[in-house]
Amino acid sequence: KDRWGAEFLGVRLCAVHEPYQSRLHSP
């Protein structure tokens, strides 16, 4: 949010051993 402001889309938590537990955290 600090770096990109409105251009920030979020964080993808990529759980490589449990791919379908992976999530997108939005601003």
PDB file of all heavy atoms in Angstrom:
ATOM      1  N   LYS A   1       0.838  -1.212   0.000  1.00  0.00           N
ATOM      2  CA  LYS A   1       0.000   0.000   0.000  1.00  0.00           C
ATOM      3  C   LYS A   1       0.869   1.256   0.000  1.00  0.00           C
ATOM      4  O   LYS A   1       0.572   2.223  -0.707  1.00  0.00           O
ATOM      5  CB  LYS A   1      -0.926  -0.003   1.218  1.00  0.00           C
ATOM      6  CG  LYS A   1      -2.032  -1.034   1.131  1.00  0.00           C
ATOM      7  CD  LYS A   1      -2.814  -1.058   2.436  1.00  0.00           C
ATOM      8  CE  LYS A   1      -3.819  -2.179   2.478  1.00  0.00           C
ATOM      9  NZ  LYS A   1      -4.537  -2.248   3.757  1.00  0.00           N
ATOM     10  N   ASP A   2       1.944   1.241   0.814  1.00  0.00           N
ATOM     11  CA  ASP A   2       2.832   2.402   0.882  1.00  0.00           C
ATOM     12  C   ASP A   2       3.573   2.634  -0.440  1.00  0.00           C
ATOM     13  O   ASP A   2       3.744   3.776  -0.867  1.00  0.00           O
ATOM     14  CB  ASP A   2       3.854   2.241   2.014  1.00  0.00           C
ATOM     15  CG  ASP A   2       3.237   2.342   3.406  1.00  0.00           C
ATOM     16  OD1 ASP A   2       2.047   2.735   3.512  1.00  0.00           O
ATOM     17  OD2 ASP A   2       3.933   2.001   4.384  1.00  0.00           O
ATOM     18  N   ARG A   3       4.040   1.561  -1.076  1.00  0.00           N
ATOM     19  CA  ARG A   3       4.836   1.682  -2.297  1.00  0.00           C
ATOM     20  C   ARG A   3       4.005   1.987  -3.524  1.00  0.00           C
ATOM     21  O   ARG A   3       4.403   2.788  -4.366  1.00  0.00           O
ATOM     22  CB  ARG A   3       5.578   0.366  -2.561  1.00  0.00           C
ATOM     23  CG  ARG A   3       6.983   0.372  -2.167  1.00  0.00           C
ATOM     24  CD  ARG A   3       7.672  -0.840  -2.727  1.00  0.00           C
ATOM     25  NE  ARG A   3       9.012  -0.852  -2.185  1.00  0.00           N
ATOM     26  CZ  ARG A   3       9.921  -1.737  -2.463  1.00  0.00           C
ATOM     27  NH1 ARG A   3       9.647  -2.715  -3.274  1.00  0.00           N
ATOM     28  NH2 ARG A   3      11.103  -1.672  -1.930  1.00  0.00           N
ATOM     29  N   TRP A   4       2.881   1.270  -3.667  1.00  0.00           N
ATOM     30  CA  TRP A   4       2.142   1.337  -4.921  1.00  0.00           C
ATOM     31  C   TRP A   4       0.738   1.931  -4.794  1.00  0.00           C
ATOM     32  O   TRP A   4       0.066   2.098  -5.800  1.00  0.00           O
ATOM     33  CB  TRP A   4       2.072  -0.054  -5.552  1.00  0.00           C
ATOM     34  CG  TRP A   4       3.430  -0.611  -5.837  1.00  0.00           C
ATOM     35  CD1 TRP A   4       4.372  -0.094  -6.672  1.00  0.00           C
ATOM     36  CD2 TRP A   4       4.004  -1.788  -5.271  1.00  0.00           C
ATOM     37  NE1 TRP A   4       5.496  -0.874  -6.664  1.00  0.00           N
ATOM     38  CE2 TRP A   4       5.306  -1.934  -5.810  1.00  0.00           C
ATOM     39  CE3 TRP A   4       3.563  -2.748  -4.371  1.00  0.00           C
ATOM     40  CZ2 TRP A   4       6.143  -2.979  -5.487  1.00  0.00           C
ATOM     41  CZ3 TRP A   4       4.407  -3.795  -4.041  1.00  0.00           C
ATOM     42  CH2 TRP A   4       5.686  -3.908  -4.593  1.00  0.00           C
ATOM     43  N   GLY A   5       0.309   2.231  -3.591  1.00  0.00           N
ATOM     44  CA  GLY A   5      -1.008   2.844  -3.389  1.00  0.00           C
ATOM     45  C   GLY A   5      -2.125   2.073  -4.056  1.00  0.00           C
ATOM     46  O   GLY A   5      -2.251   0.860  -3.876  1.00  0.00           O
ATOM     47  N   ALA A   6      -2.912   2.757  -4.877  1.00  0.00           N
ATOM     48  CA  ALA A   6      -4.064   2.143  -5.530  1.00  0.00           C
ATOM     49  C   ALA A   6      -3.665   1.087  -6.563  1.00  0.00           C
ATOM     50  O   ALA A   6      -4.497   0.278  -6.968  1.00  0.00           O
ATOM     51  CB  ALA A   6      -4.907   3.219  -6.200  1.00  0.00           C
ATOM     52  N   GLU A   7      -2.397   1.086  -6.960  1.00  0.00           N
ATOM     53  CA  GLU A   7      -1.924   0.073  -7.915  1.00  0.00           C
ATOM     54  C   GLU A   7      -1.582  -1.254  -7.246  1.00  0.00           C
ATOM     55  O   GLU A   7      -1.263  -2.218  -7.934  1.00  0.00           O
ATOM     56  CB  GLU A   7      -0.686   0.578  -8.659  1.00  0.00           C
ATOM     57  CG  GLU A   7      -0.964   1.659  -9.664  1.00  0.00           C
ATOM     58  CD  GLU A   7       0.290   1.993 -10.450  1.00  0.00           C
ATOM     59  OE1 GLU A   7       1.217   2.564  -9.844  1.00  0.00           O
ATOM     60  OE2 GLU A   7       0.330   1.662 -11.648  1.00  0.00           O
ATOM     61  N   PHE A   8      -1.647  -1.324  -5.932  1.00  0.00           N
ATOM     62  CA  PHE A   8      -1.325  -2.560  -5.220  1.00  0.00           C
ATOM     63  C   PHE A   8      -2.529  -3.484  -5.246  1.00  0.00           C
ATOM     64  O   PHE A   8      -3.621  -3.122  -4.821  1.00  0.00           O
ATOM     65  CB  PHE A   8      -0.905  -2.256  -3.776  1.00  0.00           C
ATOM     66  CG  PHE A   8      -0.570  -3.476  -2.971  1.00  0.00           C
ATOM     67  CD1 PHE A   8       0.364  -4.391  -3.420  1.00  0.00           C
ATOM     68  CD2 PHE A   8      -1.197  -3.702  -1.759  1.00  0.00           C
ATOM     69  CE1 PHE A   8       0.672  -5.520  -2.671  1.00  0.00           C
ATOM     70  CE2 PHE A   8      -0.895  -4.811  -1.005  1.00  0.00           C
ATOM     71  CZ  PHE A   8       0.043  -5.732  -1.457  1.00  0.00           C
ATOM     72  N   LEU A   9      -2.328  -4.700  -5.748  1.00  0.00           N
ATOM     73  CA  LEU A   9      -3.414  -5.665  -5.915  1.00  0.00           C
ATOM     74  C   LEU A   9      -3.519  -6.672  -4.776  1.00  0.00           C
ATOM     75  O   LEU A   9      -4.553  -7.310  -4.617  1.00  0.00           O
ATOM     76  CB  LEU A   9      -3.246  -6.415  -7.243  1.00  0.00           C
ATOM     77  CG  LEU A   9      -3.222  -5.511  -8.474  1.00  0.00           C
ATOM     78  CD1 LEU A   9      -2.845  -6.314  -9.709  1.00  0.00           C
ATOM     79  CD2 LEU A   9      -4.555  -4.823  -8.647  1.00  0.00           C
ATOM     80  N   GLY A  10      -2.416  -6.866  -4.015  1.00  0.00           N
ATOM     81  CA  GLY A  10      -2.481  -7.777  -2.887  1.00  0.00           C
ATOM     82  C   GLY A  10      -1.302  -8.714  -2.792  1.00  0.00           C
ATOM     83  O   GLY A  10      -0.285  -8.562  -3.478  1.00  0.00           O
ATOM     84  N   VAL A  11      -1.462  -9.709  -1.916  1.00  0.00           N
ATOM     85  CA  VAL A  11      -0.436 -10.715  -1.645  1.00  0.00           C
ATOM     86  C   VAL A  11      -1.031 -12.090  -1.925  1.00  0.00           C
ATOM     87  O   VAL A  11      -2.090 -12.435  -1.394  1.00  0.00           O
ATOM     88  CB  VAL A  11       0.036 -10.657  -0.176  1.00  0.00           C
ATOM     89  CG1 VAL A  11       1.036 -11.778   0.123  1.00  0.00           C
ATOM     90  CG2 VAL A  11       0.649  -9.301   0.148  1.00  0.00           C
ATOM     91  N   ARG A  12      -0.352 -12.860  -2.756  1.00  0.00           N
ATOM     92  CA  ARG A  12      -0.742 -14.249  -2.953  1.00  0.00           C
ATOM     93  C   ARG A  12       0.071 -15.101  -2.008  1.00  0.00           C
ATOM     94  O   ARG A  12       1.302 -15.100  -2.060  1.00  0.00           O
ATOM     95  CB  ARG A  12      -0.442 -14.724  -4.381  1.00  0.00           C
ATOM     96  CG  ARG A  12      -1.463 -14.407  -5.373  1.00  0.00           C
ATOM     97  CD  ARG A  12      -1.336 -15.197  -6.666  1.00  0.00           C
ATOM     98  NE  ARG A  12       0.019 -15.425  -7.150  1.00  0.00           N
ATOM     99  CZ  ARG A  12       0.303 -16.248  -8.168  1.00  0.00           C
ATOM    100  NH1 ARG A  12      -0.647 -16.914  -8.793  1.00  0.00           N
ATOM    101  NH2 ARG A  12       1.552 -16.395  -8.564  1.00  0.00           N
ATOM    102  N   LEU A  13      -0.586 -15.812  -1.121  1.00  0.00           N
ATOM    103  CA  LEU A  13       0.073 -16.778  -0.247  1.00  0.00           C
ATOM    104  C   LEU A  13       0.070 -18.098  -1.002  1.00  0.00           C
ATOM    105  O   LEU A  13      -0.966 -18.758  -1.113  1.00  0.00           O
ATOM    106  CB  LEU A  13      -0.667 -16.898   1.086  1.00  0.00           C
ATOM    107  CG  LEU A  13      -0.121 -17.936   2.059  1.00  0.00           C
ATOM    108  CD1 LEU A  13       1.320 -17.613   2.436  1.00  0.00           C
ATOM    109  CD2 LEU A  13      -0.991 -17.991   3.303  1.00  0.00           C
ATOM    110  N   CYS A  14       1.218 -18.457  -1.559  1.00  0.00           N
ATOM    111  CA  CYS A  14       1.354 -19.646  -2.407  1.00  0.00           C
ATOM    112  C   CYS A  14       1.893 -20.802  -1.572  1.00  0.00           C
ATOM    113  O   CYS A  14       3.095 -20.903  -1.330  1.00  0.00           O
ATOM    114  CB  CYS A  14       2.297 -19.352  -3.567  1.00  0.00           C
ATOM    115  SG  CYS A  14       1.794 -17.963  -4.597  1.00  0.00           S
ATOM    116  N   ALA A  15       1.005 -21.664  -1.125  1.00  0.00           N
ATOM    117  CA  ALA A  15       1.377 -22.836  -0.322  1.00  0.00           C
ATOM    118  C   ALA A  15       1.703 -23.971  -1.290  1.00  0.00           C
ATOM    119  O   ALA A  15       0.803 -24.684  -1.746  1.00  0.00           O
ATOM    120  CB  ALA A  15       0.245 -23.205   0.620  1.00  0.00           C
ATOM    121  N   VAL A  16       2.974 -24.144  -1.596  1.00  0.00           N
ATOM    122  CA  VAL A  16       3.361 -25.059  -2.669  1.00  0.00           C
ATOM    123  C   VAL A  16       3.093 -26.524  -2.364  1.00  0.00           C
ATOM    124  O   VAL A  16       2.902 -27.316  -3.280  1.00  0.00           O
ATOM    125  CB  VAL A  16       4.826 -24.843  -3.117  1.00  0.00           C
ATOM    126  CG1 VAL A  16       4.987 -23.479  -3.754  1.00  0.00           C
ATOM    127  CG2 VAL A  16       5.797 -25.029  -1.979  1.00  0.00           C
ATOM    128  N   HIS A  17       3.061 -26.917  -1.098  1.00  0.00           N
ATOM    129  CA  HIS A  17       2.740 -28.308  -0.763  1.00  0.00           C
ATOM    130  C   HIS A  17       1.244 -28.512  -0.567  1.00  0.00           C
ATOM    131  O   HIS A  17       0.791 -29.645  -0.419  1.00  0.00           O
ATOM    132  CB  HIS A  17       3.498 -28.765   0.485  1.00  0.00           C
ATOM    133  CG  HIS A  17       4.965 -28.976   0.254  1.00  0.00           C
ATOM    134  ND1 HIS A  17       5.502 -29.318  -0.960  1.00  0.00           N
ATOM    135  CD2 HIS A  17       6.017 -28.888   1.094  1.00  0.00           C
ATOM    136  CE1 HIS A  17       6.810 -29.441  -0.859  1.00  0.00           C
ATOM    137  NE2 HIS A  17       7.149 -29.183   0.378  1.00  0.00           N
ATOM    138  N   GLU A  18       0.493 -27.436  -0.542  1.00  0.00           N
ATOM    139  CA  GLU A  18      -0.966 -27.485  -0.395  1.00  0.00           C
ATOM    140  C   GLU A  18      -1.580 -26.425  -1.318  1.00  0.00           C
ATOM    141  O   GLU A  18      -2.195 -25.474  -0.854  1.00  0.00           O
ATOM    142  CB  GLU A  18      -1.370 -27.177   1.046  1.00  0.00           C
ATOM    143  CG  GLU A  18      -0.729 -28.066   2.089  1.00  0.00           C
ATOM    144  CD  GLU A  18      -0.980 -27.528   3.482  1.00  0.00           C
ATOM    145  OE1 GLU A  18      -0.249 -26.616   3.901  1.00  0.00           O
ATOM    146  OE2 GLU A  18      -1.926 -28.020   4.120  1.00  0.00           O
ATOM    147  N   PRO A  19      -1.411 -26.558  -2.635  1.00  0.00           N
ATOM    148  CA  PRO A  19      -1.802 -25.490  -3.557  1.00  0.00           C
ATOM    149  C   PRO A  19      -3.233 -24.992  -3.393  1.00  0.00           C
ATOM    150  O   PRO A  19      -3.483 -23.793  -3.518  1.00  0.00           O
ATOM    151  CB  PRO A  19      -1.597 -26.110  -4.942  1.00  0.00           C
ATOM    152  CG  PRO A  19      -0.561 -27.159  -4.731  1.00  0.00           C
ATOM    153  CD  PRO A  19      -0.815 -27.694  -3.351  1.00  0.00           C
ATOM    154  N   TYR A  20      -4.159 -25.875  -3.107  1.00  0.00           N
ATOM    155  CA  TYR A  20      -5.553 -25.433  -3.021  1.00  0.00           C
ATOM    156  C   TYR A  20      -5.888 -24.774  -1.687  1.00  0.00           C
ATOM    157  O   TYR A  20      -7.002 -24.322  -1.483  1.00  0.00           O
ATOM    158  CB  TYR A  20      -6.505 -26.583  -3.364  1.00  0.00           C
ATOM    159  CG  TYR A  20      -6.434 -26.876  -4.844  1.00  0.00           C
ATOM    160  CD1 TYR A  20      -5.697 -27.944  -5.329  1.00  0.00           C
ATOM    161  CD2 TYR A  20      -7.045 -26.031  -5.761  1.00  0.00           C
ATOM    162  CE1 TYR A  20      -5.593 -28.178  -6.686  1.00  0.00           C
ATOM    163  CE2 TYR A  20      -6.938 -26.249  -7.122  1.00  0.00           C
ATOM    164  CZ  TYR A  20      -6.214 -27.327  -7.584  1.00  0.00           C
ATOM    165  OH  TYR A  20      -6.099 -27.536  -8.933  1.00  0.00           O
ATOM    166  N   GLN A  21      -4.909 -24.646  -0.807  1.00  0.00           N
ATOM    167  CA  GLN A  21      -5.066 -23.862   0.417  1.00  0.00           C
ATOM    168  C   GLN A  21      -4.495 -22.457   0.237  1.00  0.00           C
ATOM    169  O   GLN A  21      -4.516 -21.646   1.153  1.00  0.00           O
ATOM    170  CB  GLN A  21      -4.374 -24.556   1.602  1.00  0.00           C
ATOM    171  CG  GLN A  21      -4.993 -25.892   1.973  1.00  0.00           C
ATOM    172  CD  GLN A  21      -6.466 -25.737   2.311  1.00  0.00           C
ATOM    173  OE1 GLN A  21      -6.855 -24.863   3.071  1.00  0.00           O
ATOM    174  NE2 GLN A  21      -7.292 -26.586   1.721  1.00  0.00           N
ATOM    175  N   SER A  22      -3.985 -22.180  -0.935  1.00  0.00           N
ATOM    176  CA  SER A  22      -3.382 -20.885  -1.236  1.00  0.00           C
ATOM    177  C   SER A  22      -4.466 -19.823  -1.335  1.00  0.00           C
ATOM    178  O   SER A  22      -5.585 -20.097  -1.750  1.00  0.00           O
ATOM    179  CB  SER A  22      -2.598 -20.965  -2.542  1.00  0.00           C
ATOM    180  OG  SER A  22      -1.562 -21.920  -2.408  1.00  0.00           O
ATOM    181  N   ARG A  23      -4.096 -18.599  -0.952  1.00  0.00           N
ATOM    182  CA  ARG A  23      -5.082 -17.526  -0.860  1.00  0.00           C
ATOM    183  C   ARG A  23      -4.535 -16.219  -1.447  1.00  0.00           C
ATOM    184  O   ARG A  23      -3.340 -16.000  -1.508  1.00  0.00           O
ATOM    185  CB  ARG A  23      -5.413 -17.264   0.597  1.00  0.00           C
ATOM    186  CG  ARG A  23      -5.785 -18.510   1.370  1.00  0.00           C
ATOM    187  CD  ARG A  23      -7.054 -18.310   2.130  1.00  0.00           C
ATOM    188  NE  ARG A  23      -7.389 -19.362   3.051  1.00  0.00           N
ATOM    189  CZ  ARG A  23      -7.972 -20.501   2.729  1.00  0.00           C
ATOM    190  NH1 ARG A  23      -8.228 -20.774   1.496  1.00  0.00           N
ATOM    191  NH2 ARG A  23      -8.291 -21.384   3.642  1.00  0.00           N
ATOM    192  N   LEU A  24      -5.483 -15.368  -1.809  1.00  0.00           N
ATOM    193  CA  LEU A  24      -5.162 -14.005  -2.219  1.00  0.00           C
ATOM    194  C   LEU A  24      -5.651 -13.070  -1.126  1.00  0.00           C
ATOM    195  O   LEU A  24      -6.828 -13.086  -0.762  1.00  0.00           O
ATOM    196  CB  LEU A  24      -5.859 -13.656  -3.536  1.00  0.00           C
ATOM    197  CG  LEU A  24      -5.685 -12.202  -3.982  1.00  0.00           C
ATOM    198  CD1 LEU A  24      -4.238 -11.918  -4.345  1.00  0.00           C
ATOM    199  CD2 LEU A  24      -6.599 -11.896  -5.159  1.00  0.00           C
ATOM    200  N   HIS A  25      -4.733 -12.263  -0.594  1.00  0.00           N
ATOM    201  CA  HIS A  25      -5.049 -11.253   0.411  1.00  0.00           C
ATOM    202  C   HIS A  25      -5.103  -9.915  -0.315  1.00  0.00           C
ATOM    203  O   HIS A  25      -4.095  -9.459  -0.858  1.00  0.00           O
ATOM    204  CB  HIS A  25      -3.975 -11.217   1.502  1.00  0.00           C
ATOM    205  CG  HIS A  25      -3.932 -12.468   2.316  1.00  0.00           C
ATOM    206  ND1 HIS A  25      -4.380 -12.511   3.609  1.00  0.00           N
ATOM    207  CD2 HIS A  25      -3.516 -13.721   2.021  1.00  0.00           C
ATOM    208  CE1 HIS A  25      -4.238 -13.727   4.086  1.00  0.00           C
ATOM    209  NE2 HIS A  25      -3.714 -14.479   3.134  1.00  0.00           N
ATOM    210  N   SER A  26      -6.268  -9.306  -0.358  1.00  0.00           N
ATOM    211  CA  SER A  26      -6.460  -8.040  -1.076  1.00  0.00           C
ATOM    212  C   SER A  26      -6.293  -6.849  -0.146  1.00  0.00           C
ATOM    213  O   SER A  26      -6.535  -6.969   1.064  1.00  0.00           O
ATOM    214  CB  SER A  26      -7.854  -8.004  -1.703  1.00  0.00           C
ATOM    215  OG  SER A  26      -7.977  -9.043  -2.642  1.00  0.00           O
ATOM    216  N   PRO A  27      -5.922  -5.696  -0.682  1.00  0.00           N
ATOM    217  CA  PRO A  27      -5.737  -4.494   0.139  1.00  0.00           C
ATOM    218  C   PRO A  27      -6.983  -4.085   0.924  1.00  0.00           C
ATOM    219  O   PRO A  27      -6.871  -3.458   1.971  1.00  0.00           O
ATOM    220  CB  PRO A  27      -5.355  -3.416  -0.873  1.00  0.00           C
ATOM    221  CG  PRO A  27      -4.809  -4.150  -2.031  1.00  0.00           C
ATOM    222  CD  PRO A  27      -5.544  -5.453  -2.080  1.00  0.00           C
TER     223      PRO A  27
END
